[in-house]
């Protein structure tokens, strides 16, 4: 999820087990692509943006930003 930061642009938060943690600060206000690969336990999070986007891969090359190896929820709430 994107969290509005105070002095930095935005902050990317990802889900780890039963908590959310910051994985990228200073996110630019540009078009961003997200992919979440669900696993038997947890998920892997990827993101990409335009060339030279801060902290992101250059589309179509997705950059892994987090791996959650713990989550065992059976419920999934997908959003766009």
PDB file of N, CA and C in Angstrom:
ATOM      1  N   UNK A   1       0.840  -1.172   0.000  1.00  0.00           N
ATOM      2  CA  UNK A   1       0.000   0.000   0.000  1.00  0.00           C
ATOM      3  C   UNK A   1       0.886   1.236   0.000  1.00  0.00           C
ATOM      4  N   UNK A   2       0.349   2.323  -0.458  1.00  0.00           N
ATOM      5  CA  UNK A   2       1.076   3.595  -0.464  1.00  0.00           C
ATOM      6  C   UNK A   2       0.603   4.404   0.732  1.00  0.00           C
ATOM      7  N   UNK A   3       1.543   4.882   1.504  1.00  0.00           N
ATOM      8  CA  UNK A   3       1.253   5.686   2.682  1.00  0.00           C
ATOM      9  C   UNK A   3       1.763   7.093   2.431  1.00  0.00           C
ATOM     10  N   UNK A   4       0.951   8.085   2.713  1.00  0.00           N
ATOM     11  CA  UNK A   4       1.375   9.475   2.551  1.00  0.00           C
ATOM     12  C   UNK A   4       2.349   9.821   3.666  1.00  0.00           C
ATOM     13  N   UNK A   5       3.560  10.188   3.287  1.00  0.00           N
ATOM     14  CA  UNK A   5       4.587  10.536   4.271  1.00  0.00           C
ATOM     15  C   UNK A   5       4.561  12.045   4.514  1.00  0.00           C
ATOM     16  N   UNK A   6       5.126  12.477   5.631  1.00  0.00           N
ATOM     17  CA  UNK A   6       5.097  13.894   5.979  1.00  0.00           C
ATOM     18  C   UNK A   6       6.019  14.730   5.096  1.00  0.00           C
ATOM     19  N   UNK A   7       7.308  14.475   5.154  1.00  0.00           N
ATOM     20  CA  UNK A   7       8.256  15.314   4.423  1.00  0.00           C
ATOM     21  C   UNK A   7       8.738  14.671   3.133  1.00  0.00           C
ATOM     22  N   UNK A   8       8.681  13.349   3.045  1.00  0.00           N
ATOM     23  CA  UNK A   8       9.018  12.653   1.802  1.00  0.00           C
ATOM     24  C   UNK A   8       7.745  12.539   0.978  1.00  0.00           C
ATOM     25  N   UNK A   9       7.899  12.235  -0.308  1.00  0.00           N
ATOM     26  CA  UNK A   9       6.709  12.055  -1.149  1.00  0.00           C
ATOM     27  C   UNK A   9       5.804  11.005  -0.562  1.00  0.00           C
ATOM     28  N   UNK A  10       6.009   9.768  -0.920  1.00  0.00           N
ATOM     29  CA  UNK A  10       5.185   8.680  -0.411  1.00  0.00           C
ATOM     30  C   UNK A  10       6.053   7.572   0.137  1.00  0.00           C
ATOM     31  N   UNK A  11       5.400   6.613   0.730  1.00  0.00           N
ATOM     32  CA  UNK A  11       6.107   5.497   1.333  1.00  0.00           C
ATOM     33  C   UNK A  11       5.356   4.217   0.945  1.00  0.00           C
ATOM     34  N   UNK A  12       6.094   3.178   0.526  1.00  0.00           N
ATOM     35  CA  UNK A  12       5.477   1.900   0.184  1.00  0.00           C
ATOM     36  C   UNK A  12       5.523   1.007   1.415  1.00  0.00           C
ATOM     37  N   UNK A  13       4.362   0.495   1.810  1.00  0.00           N
ATOM     38  CA  UNK A  13       4.272  -0.438   2.924  1.00  0.00           C
ATOM     39  C   UNK A  13       3.881  -1.793   2.363  1.00  0.00           C
ATOM     40  N   UNK A  14       4.455  -2.858   2.904  1.00  0.00           N
ATOM     41  CA  UNK A  14       4.080  -4.207   2.502  1.00  0.00           C
ATOM     42  C   UNK A  14       3.718  -5.028   3.733  1.00  0.00           C
ATOM     43  N   UNK A  15       2.981  -6.080   3.497  1.00  0.00           N
ATOM     44  CA  UNK A  15       2.460  -6.921   4.565  1.00  0.00           C
ATOM     45  C   UNK A  15       3.463  -8.019   4.901  1.00  0.00           C
ATOM     46  N   UNK A  16       3.817  -8.130   6.173  1.00  0.00           N
ATOM     47  CA  UNK A  16       4.714  -9.181   6.662  1.00  0.00           C
ATOM     48  C   UNK A  16       4.041  -9.869   7.840  1.00  0.00           C
ATOM     49  N   UNK A  17       3.630 -11.127   7.655  1.00  0.00           N
ATOM     50  CA  UNK A  17       2.964 -11.827   8.749  1.00  0.00           C
ATOM     51  C   UNK A  17       1.700 -11.101   9.169  1.00  0.00           C
ATOM     52  N   UNK A  18       1.685 -10.557  10.390  1.00  0.00           N
ATOM     53  CA  UNK A  18       0.503  -9.840  10.873  1.00  0.00           C
ATOM     54  C   UNK A  18       0.762  -8.347  11.039  1.00  0.00           C
ATOM     55  N   UNK A  19       1.745  -7.804  10.339  1.00  0.00           N
ATOM     56  CA  UNK A  19       2.046  -6.376  10.434  1.00  0.00           C
ATOM     57  C   UNK A  19       2.401  -5.805   9.071  1.00  0.00           C
ATOM     58  N   UNK A  20       2.417  -4.493   8.955  1.00  0.00           N
ATOM     59  CA  UNK A  20       2.873  -3.835   7.731  1.00  0.00           C
ATOM     60  C   UNK A  20       4.147  -3.068   8.057  1.00  0.00           C
ATOM     61  N   UNK A  21       5.101  -3.088   7.128  1.00  0.00           N
ATOM     62  CA  UNK A  21       6.380  -2.419   7.325  1.00  0.00           C
ATOM     63  C   UNK A  21       6.718  -1.560   6.120  1.00  0.00           C
ATOM     64  N   UNK A  22       7.458  -0.494   6.341  1.00  0.00           N
ATOM     65  CA  UNK A  22       7.910   0.377   5.262  1.00  0.00           C
ATOM     66  C   UNK A  22       9.013  -0.317   4.469  1.00  0.00           C
ATOM     67  N   UNK A  23       8.877  -0.324   3.139  1.00  0.00           N
ATOM     68  CA  UNK A  23       9.904  -0.936   2.296  1.00  0.00           C
ATOM     69  C   UNK A  23      10.564   0.061   1.355  1.00  0.00           C
ATOM     70  N   UNK A  24       9.946   1.221   1.148  1.00  0.00           N
ATOM     71  CA  UNK A  24      10.525   2.228   0.264  1.00  0.00           C
ATOM     72  C   UNK A  24      10.013   3.604   0.654  1.00  0.00           C
ATOM     73  N   UNK A  25      10.922   4.516   0.930  1.00  0.00           N
ATOM     74  CA  UNK A  25      10.551   5.898   1.252  1.00  0.00           C
ATOM     75  C   UNK A  25      10.946   6.805   0.099  1.00  0.00           C
ATOM     76  N   UNK A  26      10.275   7.938  -0.034  1.00  0.00           N
ATOM     77  CA  UNK A  26      10.604   8.901  -1.080  1.00  0.00           C
ATOM     78  C   UNK A  26      10.061   8.509  -2.443  1.00  0.00           C
ATOM     79  N   UNK A  27       8.946   7.785  -2.465  1.00  0.00           N
ATOM     80  CA  UNK A  27       8.342   7.338  -3.718  1.00  0.00           C
ATOM     81  C   UNK A  27       7.893   8.545  -4.532  1.00  0.00           C
ATOM     82  N   UNK A  28       8.256   8.556  -5.795  1.00  0.00           N
ATOM     83  CA  UNK A  28       7.870   9.657  -6.669  1.00  0.00           C
ATOM     84  C   UNK A  28       6.408   9.530  -7.076  1.00  0.00           C
ATOM     85  N   UNK A  29       5.804  10.648  -7.438  1.00  0.00           N
ATOM     86  CA  UNK A  29       4.413  10.678  -7.880  1.00  0.00           C
ATOM     87  C   UNK A  29       4.381  10.424  -9.389  1.00  0.00           C
ATOM     88  N   UNK A  30       4.613   9.168  -9.779  1.00  0.00           N
ATOM     89  CA  UNK A  30       4.644   8.763 -11.171  1.00  0.00           C
ATOM     90  C   UNK A  30       3.866   7.454 -11.314  1.00  0.00           C
ATOM     91  N   UNK A  31       3.588   7.062 -12.562  1.00  0.00           N
ATOM     92  CA  UNK A  31       2.867   5.815 -12.802  1.00  0.00           C
ATOM     93  C   UNK A  31       3.691   4.637 -12.295  1.00  0.00           C
ATOM     94  N   UNK A  32       3.038   3.741 -11.546  1.00  0.00           N
ATOM     95  CA  UNK A  32       3.732   2.597 -10.952  1.00  0.00           C
ATOM     96  C   UNK A  32       2.913   1.340 -11.220  1.00  0.00           C
ATOM     97  N   UNK A  33       3.622   0.246 -11.486  1.00  0.00           N
ATOM     98  CA  UNK A  33       3.012  -1.055 -11.689  1.00  0.00           C
ATOM     99  C   UNK A  33       3.374  -1.940 -10.510  1.00  0.00           C
ATOM    100  N   UNK A  34       2.384  -2.676  -9.997  1.00  0.00           N
ATOM    101  CA  UNK A  34       2.595  -3.585  -8.875  1.00  0.00           C
ATOM    102  C   UNK A  34       2.201  -5.000  -9.277  1.00  0.00           C
ATOM    103  N   UNK A  35       2.972  -5.978  -8.845  1.00  0.00           N
ATOM    104  CA  UNK A  35       2.623  -7.380  -9.034  1.00  0.00           C
ATOM    105  C   UNK A  35       2.862  -8.073  -7.701  1.00  0.00           C
ATOM    106  N   UNK A  36       1.895  -8.858  -7.263  1.00  0.00           N
ATOM    107  CA  UNK A  36       2.027  -9.649  -6.045  1.00  0.00           C
ATOM    108  C   UNK A  36       1.866 -11.111  -6.432  1.00  0.00           C
ATOM    109  N   UNK A  37       2.882 -11.910  -6.163  1.00  0.00           N
ATOM    110  CA  UNK A  37       2.845 -13.331  -6.447  1.00  0.00           C
ATOM    111  C   UNK A  37       2.513 -14.052  -5.141  1.00  0.00           C
ATOM    112  N   UNK A  38       1.352 -14.691  -5.116  1.00  0.00           N
ATOM    113  CA  UNK A  38       0.944 -15.423  -3.918  1.00  0.00           C
ATOM    114  C   UNK A  38       1.648 -16.772  -3.896  1.00  0.00           C
ATOM    115  N   UNK A  39       2.058 -17.184  -2.709  1.00  0.00           N
ATOM    116  CA  UNK A  39       2.727 -18.469  -2.512  1.00  0.00           C
ATOM    117  C   UNK A  39       1.903 -19.299  -1.536  1.00  0.00           C
ATOM    118  N   UNK A  40       2.296 -20.534  -1.319  1.00  0.00           N
ATOM    119  CA  UNK A  40       1.566 -21.363  -0.356  1.00  0.00           C
ATOM    120  C   UNK A  40       1.533 -20.679   1.005  1.00  0.00           C
ATOM    121  N   UNK A  41       2.635 -20.074   1.390  1.00  0.00           N
ATOM    122  CA  UNK A  41       2.733 -19.249   2.601  1.00  0.00           C
ATOM    123  C   UNK A  41       3.280 -17.904   2.175  1.00  0.00           C
ATOM    124  N   UNK A  42       2.511 -16.849   2.386  1.00  0.00           N
ATOM    125  CA  UNK A  42       3.003 -15.506   2.111  1.00  0.00           C
ATOM    126  C   UNK A  42       2.919 -15.102   0.649  1.00  0.00           C
ATOM    127  N   UNK A  43       3.747 -14.112   0.286  1.00  0.00           N
ATOM    128  CA  UNK A  43       3.713 -13.533  -1.050  1.00  0.00           C
ATOM    129  C   UNK A  43       5.052 -12.865  -1.350  1.00  0.00           C
ATOM    130  N   UNK A  44       5.250 -12.584  -2.630  1.00  0.00           N
ATOM    131  CA  UNK A  44       6.406 -11.802  -3.073  1.00  0.00           C
ATOM    132  C   UNK A  44       5.852 -10.575  -3.773  1.00  0.00           C
ATOM    133  N   UNK A  45       6.382  -9.398  -3.437  1.00  0.00           N
ATOM    134  CA  UNK A  45       5.892  -8.131  -3.966  1.00  0.00           C
ATOM    135  C   UNK A  45       6.916  -7.538  -4.937  1.00  0.00           C
ATOM    136  N   UNK A  46       6.426  -7.087  -6.096  1.00  0.00           N
ATOM    137  CA  UNK A  46       7.273  -6.478  -7.119  1.00  0.00           C
ATOM    138  C   UNK A  46       6.681  -5.136  -7.521  1.00  0.00           C
ATOM    139  N   UNK A  47       7.537  -4.232  -8.016  1.00  0.00           N
ATOM    140  CA  UNK A  47       7.041  -2.979  -8.570  1.00  0.00           C
ATOM    141  C   UNK A  47       7.962  -2.478  -9.669  1.00  0.00           C
ATOM    142  N   UNK A  48       7.397  -1.679 -10.558  1.00  0.00           N
ATOM    143  CA  UNK A  48       8.157  -1.086 -11.651  1.00  0.00           C
ATOM    144  C   UNK A  48       7.542   0.276 -11.972  1.00  0.00           C
ATOM    145  N   UNK A  49       8.314   1.097 -12.654  1.00  0.00           N
ATOM    146  CA  UNK A  49       7.856   2.406 -13.070  1.00  0.00           C
ATOM    147  C   UNK A  49       8.627   2.799 -14.319  1.00  0.00           C
ATOM    148  N   UNK A  50       8.616   4.072 -14.604  1.00  0.00           N
ATOM    149  CA  UNK A  50       9.353   4.553 -15.775  1.00  0.00           C
ATOM    150  C   UNK A  50      10.850   4.409 -15.549  1.00  0.00           C
ATOM    151  N   UNK A  51      11.622   4.591 -16.586  1.00  0.00           N
ATOM    152  CA  UNK A  51      13.077   4.496 -16.479  1.00  0.00           C
ATOM    153  C   UNK A  51      13.589   5.518 -15.478  1.00  0.00           C
ATOM    154  N   UNK A  52      14.496   5.095 -14.623  1.00  0.00           N
ATOM    155  CA  UNK A  52      15.112   5.934 -13.590  1.00  0.00           C
ATOM    156  C   UNK A  52      14.144   6.373 -12.490  1.00  0.00           C
ATOM    157  N   UNK A  53      13.048   5.664 -12.312  1.00  0.00           N
ATOM    158  CA  UNK A  53      12.153   5.956 -11.195  1.00  0.00           C
ATOM    159  C   UNK A  53      12.842   5.560  -9.889  1.00  0.00           C
ATOM    160  N   UNK A  54      12.789   6.410  -8.886  1.00  0.00           N
ATOM    161  CA  UNK A  54      13.496   6.151  -7.632  1.00  0.00           C
ATOM    162  C   UNK A  54      12.961   4.904  -6.945  1.00  0.00           C
ATOM    163  N   UNK A  55      13.849   3.928  -6.697  1.00  0.00           N
ATOM    164  CA  UNK A  55      13.514   2.736  -5.928  1.00  0.00           C
ATOM    165  C   UNK A  55      12.718   1.680  -6.661  1.00  0.00           C
ATOM    166  N   UNK A  56      12.395   1.909  -7.921  1.00  0.00           N
ATOM    167  CA  UNK A  56      11.598   0.947  -8.680  1.00  0.00           C
ATOM    168  C   UNK A  56      12.410   0.387  -9.837  1.00  0.00           C
ATOM    169  N   UNK A  57      11.961  -0.718 -10.387  1.00  0.00           N
ATOM    170  CA  UNK A  57      12.553  -1.227 -11.617  1.00  0.00           C
ATOM    171  C   UNK A  57      12.022  -0.428 -12.787  1.00  0.00           C
ATOM    172  N   UNK A  58      12.697  -0.471 -13.903  1.00  0.00           N
ATOM    173  CA  UNK A  58      12.227   0.198 -15.115  1.00  0.00           C
ATOM    174  C   UNK A  58      11.335  -0.761 -15.885  1.00  0.00           C
ATOM    175  N   UNK A  59      10.060  -0.388 -16.072  1.00  0.00           N
ATOM    176  CA  UNK A  59       9.112  -1.258 -16.743  1.00  0.00           C
ATOM    177  C   UNK A  59       9.656  -1.659 -18.103  1.00  0.00           C
ATOM    178  N   UNK A  60       9.599  -2.941 -18.481  1.00  0.00           N
ATOM    179  CA  UNK A  60       8.841  -4.041 -17.915  1.00  0.00           C
ATOM    180  C   UNK A  60       9.623  -4.873 -16.896  1.00  0.00           C
ATOM    181  N   UNK A  61      10.784  -4.429 -16.471  1.00  0.00           N
ATOM    182  CA  UNK A  61      11.580  -5.173 -15.487  1.00  0.00           C
ATOM    183  C   UNK A  61      11.082  -4.856 -14.086  1.00  0.00           C
ATOM    184  N   UNK A  62      10.471  -5.828 -13.457  1.00  0.00           N
ATOM    185  CA  UNK A  62       9.909  -5.643 -12.122  1.00  0.00           C
ATOM    186  C   UNK A  62      11.001  -5.843 -11.074  1.00  0.00           C
ATOM    187  N   UNK A  63      11.010  -4.988 -10.054  1.00  0.00           N
ATOM    188  CA  UNK A  63      11.983  -5.082  -8.962  1.00  0.00           C
ATOM    189  C   UNK A  63      11.306  -5.693  -7.748  1.00  0.00           C
ATOM    190  N   UNK A  64      11.881  -6.756  -7.164  1.00  0.00           N
ATOM    191  CA  UNK A  64      11.292  -7.285  -5.934  1.00  0.00           C
ATOM    192  C   UNK A  64      11.509  -6.293  -4.794  1.00  0.00           C
ATOM    193  N   UNK A  65      10.452  -6.000  -4.067  1.00  0.00           N
ATOM    194  CA  UNK A  65      10.589  -5.051  -2.959  1.00  0.00           C
ATOM    195  C   UNK A  65      10.358  -5.703  -1.605  1.00  0.00           C
ATOM    196  N   UNK A  66       9.740  -6.892  -1.590  1.00  0.00           N
ATOM    197  CA  UNK A  66       9.519  -7.564  -0.303  1.00  0.00           C
ATOM    198  C   UNK A  66       9.129  -9.019  -0.527  1.00  0.00           C
ATOM    199  N   UNK A  67       9.458  -9.839   0.469  1.00  0.00           N
ATOM    200  CA  UNK A  67       9.034 -11.239   0.501  1.00  0.00           C
ATOM    201  C   UNK A  67       8.432 -11.495   1.872  1.00  0.00           C
ATOM    202  N   UNK A  68       7.201 -11.978   1.878  1.00  0.00           N
ATOM    203  CA  UNK A  68       6.529 -12.337   3.125  1.00  0.00           C
ATOM    204  C   UNK A  68       6.446 -13.865   3.182  1.00  0.00           C
ATOM    205  N   UNK A  69       7.288 -14.518   3.963  1.00  0.00           N
ATOM    206  CA  UNK A  69       7.275 -15.979   4.025  1.00  0.00           C
ATOM    207  C   UNK A  69       6.351 -16.549   5.109  1.00  0.00           C
ATOM    208  N   UNK A  70       5.613 -15.692   5.848  1.00  0.00           N
ATOM    209  CA  UNK A  70       4.885 -16.163   7.016  1.00  0.00           C
ATOM    210  C   UNK A  70       3.379 -16.228   6.875  1.00  0.00           C
ATOM    211  N   UNK A  71       2.782 -15.348   6.126  1.00  0.00           N
ATOM    212  CA  UNK A  71       1.326 -15.214   6.129  1.00  0.00           C
ATOM    213  C   UNK A  71       0.642 -16.503   5.691  1.00  0.00           C
ATOM    214  N   UNK A  72      -0.308 -16.959   6.504  1.00  0.00           N
ATOM    215  CA  UNK A  72      -1.058 -18.177   6.210  1.00  0.00           C
ATOM    216  C   UNK A  72      -2.547 -17.917   6.071  1.00  0.00           C
ATOM    217  N   UNK A  73      -2.944 -16.652   5.846  1.00  0.00           N
ATOM    218  CA  UNK A  73      -4.360 -16.332   5.686  1.00  0.00           C
ATOM    219  C   UNK A  73      -4.956 -17.073   4.516  1.00  0.00           C
ATOM    220  N   UNK A  74      -6.175 -17.558   4.682  1.00  0.00           N
ATOM    221  CA  UNK A  74      -6.899 -18.170   3.577  1.00  0.00           C
ATOM    222  C   UNK A  74      -7.730 -17.161   2.819  1.00  0.00           C
ATOM    223  N   UNK A  75      -7.965 -15.983   3.406  1.00  0.00           N
ATOM    224  CA  UNK A  75      -8.766 -14.933   2.780  1.00  0.00           C
ATOM    225  C   UNK A  75      -7.861 -13.997   1.994  1.00  0.00           C
ATOM    226  N   UNK A  76      -8.321 -13.610   0.813  1.00  0.00           N
ATOM    227  CA  UNK A  76      -7.568 -12.684  -0.029  1.00  0.00           C
ATOM    228  C   UNK A  76      -8.492 -11.531  -0.404  1.00  0.00           C
ATOM    229  N   UNK A  77      -8.039 -10.299  -0.173  1.00  0.00           N
ATOM    230  CA  UNK A  77      -8.797  -9.107  -0.525  1.00  0.00           C
ATOM    231  C   UNK A  77      -7.975  -8.334  -1.541  1.00  0.00           C
ATOM    232  N   UNK A  78      -8.214  -8.619  -2.809  1.00  0.00           N
ATOM    233  CA  UNK A  78      -7.447  -7.981  -3.884  1.00  0.00           C
ATOM    234  C   UNK A  78      -8.018  -6.600  -4.159  1.00  0.00           C
ATOM    235  N   UNK A  79      -7.154  -5.693  -4.569  1.00  0.00           N
ATOM    236  CA  UNK A  79      -7.594  -4.341  -4.889  1.00  0.00           C
ATOM    237  C   UNK A  79      -6.756  -3.739  -5.997  1.00  0.00           C
ATOM    238  N   UNK A  80      -7.315  -2.734  -6.636  1.00  0.00           N
ATOM    239  CA  UNK A  80      -6.604  -2.026  -7.693  1.00  0.00           C
ATOM    240  C   UNK A  80      -6.558  -0.561  -7.326  1.00  0.00           C
TER     241      UNK A  80
END
